[in-house]
Amino acid sequence: MIRLFLFLLSYGLIVTTCTTMITYLNYTSMGFDMRTVAIFILRSADFAMFAGAAVLLLLTVYVRVPSRLPFS
């Protein structure tokens, strides 16, 4: 149950932060070049949260844990 919660939490954070980072691309229409926007995105808190959520998602999916504890 905890793995399901962590999976849904990390997936929700990834979707939210990706959506926010995509909206940052609108700065190119205001005259900023793509390099400046990319540096801004990489330094934002949204990118750090995205990276953490992606690591959490990968851990919840690929790390094997026993379905129940031994001797229980």
C-alpha atoms as a PDB file:
ATOM      1  CA  MET A   1       0.000   0.000   0.000  1.00  0.00           C
ATOM      2  CA  ILE A   2       2.905   2.330   0.752  1.00  0.00           C
ATOM      3  CA  ARG A   3       4.442   1.632  -2.649  1.00  0.00           C
ATOM      4  CA  LEU A   4       1.161   2.522  -4.359  1.00  0.00           C
ATOM      5  CA  PHE A   5       0.996   5.788  -2.411  1.00  0.00           C
ATOM      6  CA  LEU A   6       4.609   6.661  -3.277  1.00  0.00           C
ATOM      7  CA  PHE A   7       4.005   5.775  -6.918  1.00  0.00           C
ATOM      8  CA  LEU A   8       0.915   7.986  -7.163  1.00  0.00           C
ATOM      9  CA  LEU A   9       2.625  10.811  -5.270  1.00  0.00           C
ATOM     10  CA  SER A  10       5.707  10.781  -7.473  1.00  0.00           C
ATOM     11  CA  TYR A  11       3.653  10.454 -10.655  1.00  0.00           C
ATOM     12  CA  GLY A  12       1.499  13.425  -9.649  1.00  0.00           C
ATOM     13  CA  LEU A  13       4.576  15.514  -8.867  1.00  0.00           C
ATOM     14  CA  ILE A  14       6.126  14.632 -12.223  1.00  0.00           C
ATOM     15  CA  VAL A  15       2.988  15.626 -14.119  1.00  0.00           C
ATOM     16  CA  THR A  16       2.615  18.886 -12.207  1.00  0.00           C
ATOM     17  CA  THR A  17       6.234  19.965 -12.487  1.00  0.00           C
ATOM     18  CA  CYS A  18       6.475  19.018 -16.171  1.00  0.00           C
ATOM     19  CA  THR A  19       3.389  21.084 -16.900  1.00  0.00           C
ATOM     20  CA  THR A  20       4.901  24.056 -15.096  1.00  0.00           C
ATOM     21  CA  MET A  21       8.235  23.658 -16.877  1.00  0.00           C
ATOM     22  CA  ILE A  22       6.470  23.499 -20.248  1.00  0.00           C
ATOM     23  CA  THR A  23       4.704  26.769 -19.471  1.00  0.00           C
ATOM     24  CA  TYR A  24       8.125  28.331 -18.843  1.00  0.00           C
ATOM     25  CA  LEU A  25       8.783  27.811 -22.555  1.00  0.00           C
ATOM     26  CA  ASN A  26       6.371  30.687 -23.194  1.00  0.00           C
ATOM     27  CA  TYR A  27       9.236  32.998 -22.232  1.00  0.00           C
ATOM     28  CA  THR A  28      10.667  32.379 -25.706  1.00  0.00           C
ATOM     29  CA  SER A  29       7.683  34.204 -27.190  1.00  0.00           C
ATOM     30  CA  MET A  30       8.508  37.200 -24.983  1.00  0.00           C
ATOM     31  CA  GLY A  31      11.950  37.541 -26.525  1.00  0.00           C
ATOM     32  CA  PHE A  32      14.191  35.368 -24.369  1.00  0.00           C
ATOM     33  CA  ASP A  33      16.443  32.946 -26.193  1.00  0.00           C
ATOM     34  CA  MET A  34      16.194  29.216 -25.614  1.00  0.00           C
ATOM     35  CA  ARG A  35      19.504  29.011 -23.748  1.00  0.00           C
ATOM     36  CA  THR A  36      18.368  31.534 -21.142  1.00  0.00           C
ATOM     37  CA  VAL A  37      15.056  29.742 -20.676  1.00  0.00           C
ATOM     38  CA  ALA A  38      16.803  26.357 -20.330  1.00  0.00           C
ATOM     39  CA  ILE A  39      19.149  27.745 -17.663  1.00  0.00           C
ATOM     40  CA  PHE A  40      16.159  29.236 -15.851  1.00  0.00           C
ATOM     41  CA  ILE A  41      14.328  25.900 -15.926  1.00  0.00           C
ATOM     42  CA  LEU A  42      17.373  23.958 -14.708  1.00  0.00           C
ATOM     43  CA  ARG A  43      17.840  26.354 -11.772  1.00  0.00           C
ATOM     44  CA  SER A  44      14.185  26.414 -10.744  1.00  0.00           C
ATOM     45  CA  ALA A  45      12.751  24.525  -7.803  1.00  0.00           C
ATOM     46  CA  ASP A  46      10.377  22.742 -10.176  1.00  0.00           C
ATOM     47  CA  PHE A  47      13.253  20.966 -11.876  1.00  0.00           C
ATOM     48  CA  ALA A  48      14.672  19.821  -8.534  1.00  0.00           C
ATOM     49  CA  MET A  49      11.261  18.524  -7.513  1.00  0.00           C
ATOM     50  CA  PHE A  50      10.907  16.801 -10.888  1.00  0.00           C
ATOM     51  CA  ALA A  51      14.286  15.089 -10.497  1.00  0.00           C
ATOM     52  CA  GLY A  52      13.444  13.919  -6.981  1.00  0.00           C
ATOM     53  CA  ALA A  53      10.046  12.633  -8.028  1.00  0.00           C
ATOM     54  CA  ALA A  54      11.561  10.815 -11.012  1.00  0.00           C
ATOM     55  CA  VAL A  55      14.074   9.073  -8.755  1.00  0.00           C
ATOM     56  CA  LEU A  56      11.302   8.157  -6.315  1.00  0.00           C
ATOM     57  CA  LEU A  57       9.182   6.792  -9.153  1.00  0.00           C
ATOM     58  CA  LEU A  58      12.034   4.671 -10.458  1.00  0.00           C
ATOM     59  CA  LEU A  59      12.745   3.340  -6.989  1.00  0.00           C
ATOM     60  CA  THR A  60       9.134   2.403  -6.319  1.00  0.00           C
ATOM     61  CA  VAL A  61       8.852   0.605  -9.636  1.00  0.00           C
ATOM     62  CA  TYR A  62      12.186  -1.172  -9.931  1.00  0.00           C
ATOM     63  CA  VAL A  63      13.322  -1.936  -6.369  1.00  0.00           C
ATOM     64  CA  ARG A  64      12.114  -5.344  -5.336  1.00  0.00           C
ATOM     65  CA  VAL A  65      10.875  -5.803  -1.801  1.00  0.00           C
ATOM     66  CA  PRO A  66       9.378  -8.913  -0.255  1.00  0.00           C
ATOM     67  CA  SER A  67       5.595  -8.999  -0.301  1.00  0.00           C
ATOM     68  CA  ARG A  68       5.599  -9.907   3.380  1.00  0.00           C
ATOM     69  CA  LEU A  69       8.160 -10.097   6.101  1.00  0.00           C
ATOM     70  CA  PRO A  70       9.701 -13.465   6.938  1.00  0.00           C
ATOM     71  CA  PHE A  71       8.366 -15.226  10.050  1.00  0.00           C
ATOM     72  CA  SER A  72       5.202 -13.170  10.160  1.00  0.00           C
END
